[in-house]
Amino acid sequence: MDGAKIPHKMLSQDPFSTWLGIEILESKVGYVKVGMTIRNEMLNSMNKAHGGITYSLADTAFGFTANTHGKYAVSIETSINHIEALEEGDYITAEATVNLQKTKVGFNIVEVKRNDELVALFKGVVYRTQKDWQE
């Protein structure tokens, strides 16, 4: 299967990312950029976006990017640094800026931004299986 199409297939089978309102803005082998708008039900008790929302957007970009190489790739370790608080109505994007694939392990760095402002930095490691993505 064409690697650039895999994120679109994944999103069509992903009710959580669909509920978040994530859209694919760009997709090619080794690179995916996604975006979403912060909604009221995503806010925490301080009226800021819950950290899990930023994390989820970055995790989706990470997973989609890791799978563009054509093999099922599953997360084995992730972390995030939250840099700026987000508000209801903010539109944020996440893009894999580093995608390094070794034989069975892949490493990704995902930048989450509000416009050009870096709001979170995510790091993820995946294990690539031998299972191919099918049409």
C-alpha atoms as a PDB file:
ATOM      1  CA  MET A   1       0.000   0.000   0.000  1.00  0.00           C
ATOM      2  CA  ASP A   2       1.226   3.514  -0.807  1.00  0.00           C
ATOM      3  CA  GLY A   3       2.663   4.868   2.473  1.00  0.00           C
ATOM      4  CA  ALA A   4       1.100   8.306   1.987  1.00  0.00           C
ATOM      5  CA  LYS A   5      -2.369   6.697   1.976  1.00  0.00           C
ATOM      6  CA  ILE A   6      -1.877   4.695   5.174  1.00  0.00           C
ATOM      7  CA  PRO A   7      -2.622   7.616   7.583  1.00  0.00           C
ATOM      8  CA  HIS A   8      -5.943   8.223   5.799  1.00  0.00           C
ATOM      9  CA  LYS A   9      -6.859   4.543   6.201  1.00  0.00           C
ATOM     10  CA  MET A  10      -5.801   4.648   9.858  1.00  0.00           C
ATOM     11  CA  LEU A  11      -7.904   7.767  10.543  1.00  0.00           C
ATOM     12  CA  SER A  12     -10.950   6.144   8.919  1.00  0.00           C
ATOM     13  CA  GLN A  13     -10.617   3.284  11.434  1.00  0.00           C
ATOM     14  CA  ASP A  14      -9.834   5.462  14.485  1.00  0.00           C
ATOM     15  CA  PRO A  15     -12.945   6.601  16.408  1.00  0.00           C
ATOM     16  CA  PHE A  16     -10.907   8.419  19.082  1.00  0.00           C
ATOM     17  CA  SER A  17      -8.952  10.617  16.639  1.00  0.00           C
ATOM     18  CA  THR A  18     -12.185  11.209  14.725  1.00  0.00           C
ATOM     19  CA  TRP A  19     -13.930  12.307  17.956  1.00  0.00           C
ATOM     20  CA  LEU A  20     -11.035  14.694  18.623  1.00  0.00           C
ATOM     21  CA  GLY A  21     -11.677  16.251  15.204  1.00  0.00           C
ATOM     22  CA  ILE A  22      -8.200  15.485  13.884  1.00  0.00           C
ATOM     23  CA  GLU A  23      -7.666  16.142  10.199  1.00  0.00           C
ATOM     24  CA  ILE A  24      -4.708  15.131   8.064  1.00  0.00           C
ATOM     25  CA  LEU A  25      -3.134  18.236   6.546  1.00  0.00           C
ATOM     26  CA  GLU A  26      -0.217  16.561   4.776  1.00  0.00           C
ATOM     27  CA  SER A  27       0.935  12.979   4.358  1.00  0.00           C
ATOM     28  CA  LYS A  28       3.937  11.392   2.674  1.00  0.00           C
ATOM     29  CA  VAL A  29       6.290   8.558   3.548  1.00  0.00           C
ATOM     30  CA  GLY A  30       8.110   9.541   6.740  1.00  0.00           C
ATOM     31  CA  TYR A  31       6.045  12.673   7.374  1.00  0.00           C
ATOM     32  CA  VAL A  32       2.517  13.494   8.529  1.00  0.00           C
ATOM     33  CA  LYS A  33       1.034  16.791   9.674  1.00  0.00           C
ATOM     34  CA  VAL A  34      -2.314  16.779  11.475  1.00  0.00           C
ATOM     35  CA  GLY A  35      -4.434  19.505  13.043  1.00  0.00           C
ATOM     36  CA  MET A  36      -7.437  20.054  15.298  1.00  0.00           C
ATOM     37  CA  THR A  37      -9.372  22.733  17.194  1.00  0.00           C
ATOM     38  CA  ILE A  38      -9.563  22.790  21.010  1.00  0.00           C
ATOM     39  CA  ARG A  39     -13.221  22.409  22.085  1.00  0.00           C
ATOM     40  CA  ASN A  40     -14.883  23.246  25.420  1.00  0.00           C
ATOM     41  CA  GLU A  41     -15.163  19.595  26.484  1.00  0.00           C
ATOM     42  CA  MET A  42     -11.356  19.331  26.150  1.00  0.00           C
ATOM     43  CA  LEU A  43     -10.687  21.899  28.899  1.00  0.00           C
ATOM     44  CA  ASN A  44      -9.488  21.129  32.418  1.00  0.00           C
ATOM     45  CA  SER A  45     -10.514  22.733  35.733  1.00  0.00           C
ATOM     46  CA  MET A  46      -8.251  25.731  35.002  1.00  0.00           C
ATOM     47  CA  ASN A  47     -10.100  26.438  31.736  1.00  0.00           C
ATOM     48  CA  LYS A  48      -7.039  25.380  29.693  1.00  0.00           C
ATOM     49  CA  ALA A  49      -6.752  22.442  27.299  1.00  0.00           C
ATOM     50  CA  HIS A  50      -6.164  19.213  29.187  1.00  0.00           C
ATOM     51  CA  GLY A  51      -2.615  17.961  28.603  1.00  0.00           C
ATOM     52  CA  GLY A  52      -4.025  14.728  27.261  1.00  0.00           C
ATOM     53  CA  ILE A  53      -5.453  16.592  24.280  1.00  0.00           C
ATOM     54  CA  THR A  54      -2.068  17.890  23.119  1.00  0.00           C
ATOM     55  CA  TYR A  55      -0.589  14.491  23.858  1.00  0.00           C
ATOM     56  CA  SER A  56      -3.292  12.734  21.834  1.00  0.00           C
ATOM     57  CA  LEU A  57      -2.775  14.948  18.786  1.00  0.00           C
ATOM     58  CA  ALA A  58       0.997  14.376  18.909  1.00  0.00           C
ATOM     59  CA  ASP A  59       0.519  10.643  19.469  1.00  0.00           C
ATOM     60  CA  THR A  60      -1.723  10.440  16.403  1.00  0.00           C
ATOM     61  CA  ALA A  61       0.844  12.263  14.235  1.00  0.00           C
ATOM     62  CA  PHE A  62       3.520   9.938  15.625  1.00  0.00           C
ATOM     63  CA  GLY A  63       1.545   6.768  14.929  1.00  0.00           C
ATOM     64  CA  PHE A  64       0.510   7.843  11.453  1.00  0.00           C
ATOM     65  CA  THR A  65       4.073   8.815  10.510  1.00  0.00           C
ATOM     66  CA  ALA A  66       5.594   5.606  11.840  1.00  0.00           C
ATOM     67  CA  ASN A  67       3.191   3.538   9.755  1.00  0.00           C
ATOM     68  CA  THR A  68       3.870   5.341   6.450  1.00  0.00           C
ATOM     69  CA  HIS A  69       6.763   2.944   5.872  1.00  0.00           C
ATOM     70  CA  GLY A  70       4.239   0.221   5.063  1.00  0.00           C
ATOM     71  CA  LYS A  71       4.562  -2.045   8.112  1.00  0.00           C
ATOM     72  CA  TYR A  72       2.306  -2.057  11.180  1.00  0.00           C
ATOM     73  CA  ALA A  73       4.185  -0.018  13.795  1.00  0.00           C
ATOM     74  CA  VAL A  74       3.172   0.028  17.462  1.00  0.00           C
ATOM     75  CA  SER A  75       4.212   2.481  20.163  1.00  0.00           C
ATOM     76  CA  ILE A  76       6.593   1.210  22.848  1.00  0.00           C
ATOM     77  CA  GLU A  77       7.571   4.473  24.584  1.00  0.00           C
ATOM     78  CA  THR A  78       6.467   8.105  24.436  1.00  0.00           C
ATOM     79  CA  SER A  79       6.954  11.337  26.348  1.00  0.00           C
ATOM     80  CA  ILE A  80       5.857  14.953  26.017  1.00  0.00           C
ATOM     81  CA  ASN A  81       6.963  18.369  27.221  1.00  0.00           C
ATOM     82  CA  HIS A  82       4.124  20.883  27.579  1.00  0.00           C
ATOM     83  CA  ILE A  83       5.483  24.361  26.828  1.00  0.00           C
ATOM     84  CA  GLU A  84       2.435  26.643  26.502  1.00  0.00           C
ATOM     85  CA  ALA A  85      -1.151  26.434  27.756  1.00  0.00           C
ATOM     86  CA  LEU A  86      -3.910  26.237  25.164  1.00  0.00           C
ATOM     87  CA  GLU A  87      -7.366  27.835  25.090  1.00  0.00           C
ATOM     88  CA  GLU A  88     -10.740  26.836  23.715  1.00  0.00           C
ATOM     89  CA  GLY A  89     -10.837  27.695  20.015  1.00  0.00           C
ATOM     90  CA  ASP A  90      -7.069  27.338  19.480  1.00  0.00           C
ATOM     91  CA  TYR A  91      -6.188  25.449  16.313  1.00  0.00           C
ATOM     92  CA  ILE A  92      -3.104  23.311  16.827  1.00  0.00           C
ATOM     93  CA  THR A  93      -1.007  21.214  14.485  1.00  0.00           C
ATOM     94  CA  ALA A  94       1.393  18.346  15.068  1.00  0.00           C
ATOM     95  CA  GLU A  95       4.061  17.277  12.636  1.00  0.00           C
ATOM     96  CA  ALA A  96       6.804  14.707  12.788  1.00  0.00           C
ATOM     97  CA  THR A  97      10.015  16.684  12.351  1.00  0.00           C
ATOM     98  CA  VAL A  98      12.326  13.697  12.895  1.00  0.00           C
ATOM     99  CA  ASN A  99      11.565  10.231  11.579  1.00  0.00           C
ATOM    100  CA  LEU A 100      14.420   7.766  11.929  1.00  0.00           C
ATOM    101  CA  GLN A 101      13.672   4.154  11.050  1.00  0.00           C
ATOM    102  CA  LYS A 102      16.005   1.328  11.976  1.00  0.00           C
ATOM    103  CA  THR A 103      15.379  -2.350  11.196  1.00  0.00           C
ATOM    104  CA  LYS A 104      12.681  -2.937  13.824  1.00  0.00           C
ATOM    105  CA  VAL A 105      12.613   0.298  15.830  1.00  0.00           C
ATOM    106  CA  GLY A 106      11.620   3.800  14.770  1.00  0.00           C
ATOM    107  CA  PHE A 107      12.230   7.129  16.499  1.00  0.00           C
ATOM    108  CA  ASN A 108      10.079  10.215  16.040  1.00  0.00           C
ATOM    109  CA  ILE A 109      10.009  13.764  17.338  1.00  0.00           C
ATOM    110  CA  VAL A 110       6.719  15.606  16.931  1.00  0.00           C
ATOM    111  CA  GLU A 111       6.339  19.372  17.253  1.00  0.00           C
ATOM    112  CA  VAL A 112       2.933  20.669  18.335  1.00  0.00           C
ATOM    113  CA  LYS A 113       2.288  24.274  17.358  1.00  0.00           C
ATOM    114  CA  ARG A 114      -0.317  27.010  17.604  1.00  0.00           C
ATOM    115  CA  ASN A 115       0.378  28.941  14.404  1.00  0.00           C
ATOM    116  CA  ASP A 116       4.211  29.165  14.444  1.00  0.00           C
ATOM    117  CA  GLU A 117       4.491  28.933  18.254  1.00  0.00           C
ATOM    118  CA  LEU A 118       5.848  25.673  19.672  1.00  0.00           C
ATOM    119  CA  VAL A 119       3.432  24.558  22.430  1.00  0.00           C
ATOM    120  CA  ALA A 120       4.593  20.968  23.043  1.00  0.00           C
ATOM    121  CA  LEU A 121       7.419  18.626  22.088  1.00  0.00           C
ATOM    122  CA  PHE A 122       6.726  14.885  21.868  1.00  0.00           C
ATOM    123  CA  LYS A 123       9.160  11.988  21.505  1.00  0.00           C
ATOM    124  CA  GLY A 124       8.129   8.471  20.548  1.00  0.00           C
ATOM    125  CA  VAL A 125       9.639   5.078  19.858  1.00  0.00           C
ATOM    126  CA  VAL A 126       7.855   2.409  17.803  1.00  0.00           C
ATOM    127  CA  TYR A 127       8.372  -1.233  17.099  1.00  0.00           C
ATOM    128  CA  ARG A 128       7.797  -2.184  13.475  1.00  0.00           C
ATOM    129  CA  THR A 129       6.161  -5.561  12.923  1.00  0.00           C
ATOM    130  CA  GLN A 130       6.517  -7.631   9.768  1.00  0.00           C
ATOM    131  CA  LYS A 131       2.805  -7.199   8.955  1.00  0.00           C
ATOM    132  CA  ASP A 132       2.193  -5.130   5.816  1.00  0.00           C
ATOM    133  CA  TRP A 133      -0.586  -2.567   5.449  1.00  0.00           C
ATOM    134  CA  GLN A 134      -3.110  -3.813   2.872  1.00  0.00           C
ATOM    135  CA  GLU A 135      -5.377  -1.784   0.571  1.00  0.00           C
END
